[in-house]
Amino acid sequence: MAKVAIFDDEQVKVFEYDDDTNVELAYLSKEEAQELSKKVDQIVSRTGSLWSKVWNQKLGERVVKRWFHRTNPDHPGLTLPNGTPIAFTPENRDMMMIRCREFSLFVGENTTSAKEFLAEKEQVSKDKLKVKNG
């Protein structure tokens, strides 16, 4: 039986970005993507900015909840090439979405595909059932 991605509430899941960094992302439904695209079109027509730059910034704003080091709570998990840690802030989120191709592709691929969010929801349901049944 096929399950479809029609959710009543926001779906959020932690994804492994690399060996030691996780990124918490929200699912972007088809309707939300269409609304976001309209907003981006309005901004681009007003400002003359590049569509892809505005899209990446707005997508990140909508779906990237945080990033963090998997085992070291004192480190954000992401670093610049010179080793400087990149703390999770709105400004750094925008920078990562606009200037880091790998990060923006990772976000786009994982937030628009329902497969992982459906699997997460199924796992949470199984875990709740285990706790309930003891």
Protein backbone atom coordinates (compact mmCIF):
# COMPACT_ATOMS: atom_id res chain seq x y z
CA MET A 1 0.00 0.00 0.00
CA ALA A 2 1.43 3.37 -1.01
CA LYS A 3 1.49 6.19 1.50
CA VAL A 4 1.26 9.76 0.25
CA ALA A 5 2.75 12.88 1.77
CA ILE A 6 -0.29 14.74 2.96
CA PHE A 7 0.45 15.94 6.48
CA ASP A 8 -1.77 17.89 8.86
CA ASP A 9 1.13 19.49 10.71
CA GLU A 10 4.70 20.56 10.04
CA GLN A 11 7.07 17.65 9.54
CA VAL A 12 10.61 18.10 10.84
CA LYS A 13 13.45 15.60 10.64
CA VAL A 14 17.16 15.54 11.44
CA PHE A 15 19.35 14.57 8.48
CA GLU A 16 23.03 13.58 8.47
CA TYR A 17 24.90 16.23 6.49
CA ASP A 18 28.37 14.74 6.87
CA ASP A 19 30.35 12.52 9.24
CA ASP A 20 29.71 14.68 12.30
CA THR A 21 27.08 17.29 11.41
CA ASN A 22 23.29 17.04 11.47
CA VAL A 23 20.83 19.45 9.90
CA GLU A 24 17.24 19.72 11.09
CA LEU A 25 14.90 20.33 8.15
CA ALA A 26 11.17 20.80 7.62
CA TYR A 27 9.25 19.22 4.76
CA LEU A 28 8.14 21.58 1.99
CA SER A 29 4.81 20.50 0.50
CA LYS A 30 3.84 21.15 -3.10
CA GLU A 31 1.45 23.91 -2.03
CA GLU A 32 4.09 25.57 0.15
CA ALA A 33 6.61 25.40 -2.69
CA GLN A 34 4.15 27.12 -5.01
CA GLU A 35 3.46 29.85 -2.44
CA LEU A 36 7.17 30.32 -1.84
CA SER A 37 7.79 30.58 -5.58
CA LYS A 38 5.17 33.34 -5.87
CA LYS A 39 6.82 35.27 -3.02
CA VAL A 40 10.20 34.89 -4.70
CA ASP A 41 8.74 36.15 -7.99
CA GLN A 42 7.38 39.24 -6.21
CA ILE A 43 10.72 39.97 -4.53
CA VAL A 44 12.64 39.51 -7.79
CA SER A 45 10.29 41.80 -9.70
CA ARG A 46 10.65 44.47 -6.98
CA THR A 47 14.40 44.22 -6.45
CA GLY A 48 15.85 42.82 -9.68
CA SER A 49 17.76 40.19 -7.67
CA LEU A 50 18.64 36.83 -9.16
CA TRP A 51 15.74 34.40 -8.81
CA SER A 52 17.95 31.52 -7.68
CA LYS A 53 19.59 33.61 -4.96
CA VAL A 54 16.23 34.75 -3.56
CA TRP A 55 14.78 31.22 -3.86
CA ASN A 56 17.67 29.67 -1.94
CA GLN A 57 17.48 32.30 0.79
CA LYS A 58 13.71 31.95 1.20
CA LEU A 59 13.82 28.15 1.04
CA GLY A 60 16.43 28.10 3.80
CA GLU A 61 14.38 30.53 5.86
CA ARG A 62 11.36 28.23 5.57
CA VAL A 63 12.93 24.79 6.07
CA VAL A 64 16.35 24.94 7.76
CA LYS A 65 15.66 24.80 11.49
CA ARG A 66 19.24 24.35 12.77
CA TRP A 67 22.51 22.51 12.31
CA PHE A 68 24.65 21.00 15.00
CA HIS A 69 27.63 18.77 15.70
CA ARG A 70 26.53 15.23 16.44
CA THR A 71 28.75 14.68 19.50
CA ASN A 72 30.19 18.07 20.55
CA PRO A 73 27.52 20.44 21.89
CA ASP A 74 30.07 23.29 21.97
CA HIS A 75 30.64 23.14 18.20
CA PRO A 76 28.07 24.02 15.52
CA GLY A 77 29.31 21.29 13.17
CA LEU A 78 29.95 23.45 10.10
CA THR A 79 33.19 25.32 9.47
CA LEU A 80 34.65 27.66 6.88
CA PRO A 81 37.70 26.43 4.92
CA ASN A 82 39.96 28.19 7.45
CA GLY A 83 38.39 26.19 10.31
CA THR A 84 36.19 28.99 11.69
CA PRO A 85 32.98 27.47 13.08
CA ILE A 86 29.72 28.60 11.46
CA ALA A 87 27.14 29.06 14.21
CA PHE A 88 23.51 28.62 13.29
CA THR A 89 22.09 32.11 12.84
CA PRO A 90 19.65 33.52 10.27
CA GLU A 91 22.54 35.34 8.57
CA ASN A 92 24.70 32.21 8.41
CA ARG A 93 21.76 30.13 7.20
CA ASP A 94 21.25 32.63 4.36
CA MET A 95 24.97 32.59 3.56
CA MET A 96 25.04 28.79 3.44
CA MET A 97 21.95 28.62 1.22
CA ILE A 98 23.20 31.32 -1.17
CA ARG A 99 26.94 30.64 -1.31
CA CYS A 100 27.37 26.91 -0.62
CA ARG A 101 26.09 24.85 -3.54
CA GLU A 102 26.43 21.53 -1.72
CA PHE A 103 24.44 22.75 1.27
CA SER A 104 21.61 24.28 -0.78
CA LEU A 105 21.35 21.12 -2.92
CA PHE A 106 21.27 18.98 0.25
CA VAL A 107 18.46 21.14 1.66
CA GLY A 108 16.48 21.16 -1.59
CA GLU A 109 16.75 17.42 -2.11
CA ASN A 110 15.81 16.50 1.43
CA THR A 111 12.95 18.93 2.02
CA THR A 112 11.02 18.34 -1.18
CA SER A 113 11.09 14.54 -1.07
CA ALA A 114 8.49 13.05 1.24
CA LYS A 115 10.14 9.63 1.44
CA GLU A 116 12.27 10.39 4.51
CA PHE A 117 9.50 12.29 6.29
CA LEU A 118 7.05 9.43 5.74
CA ALA A 119 9.64 6.97 7.05
CA GLU A 120 10.23 9.19 10.10
CA LYS A 121 6.50 9.40 10.82
CA GLU A 122 6.18 5.62 10.54
CA GLN A 123 9.15 5.11 12.91
CA VAL A 124 7.73 7.56 15.45
CA SER A 125 4.40 5.69 15.35
CA LYS A 126 6.16 2.36 15.91
CA ASP A 127 8.17 3.82 18.79
CA LYS A 128 5.01 5.21 20.43
CA LEU A 129 3.33 1.81 20.08
CA LYS A 130 6.33 0.09 21.75
CA VAL A 131 6.20 2.51 24.68
CA LYS A 132 2.43 2.13 25.01
CA ASN A 133 2.58 -1.67 24.93
CA GLY A 134 5.57 -1.76 27.24
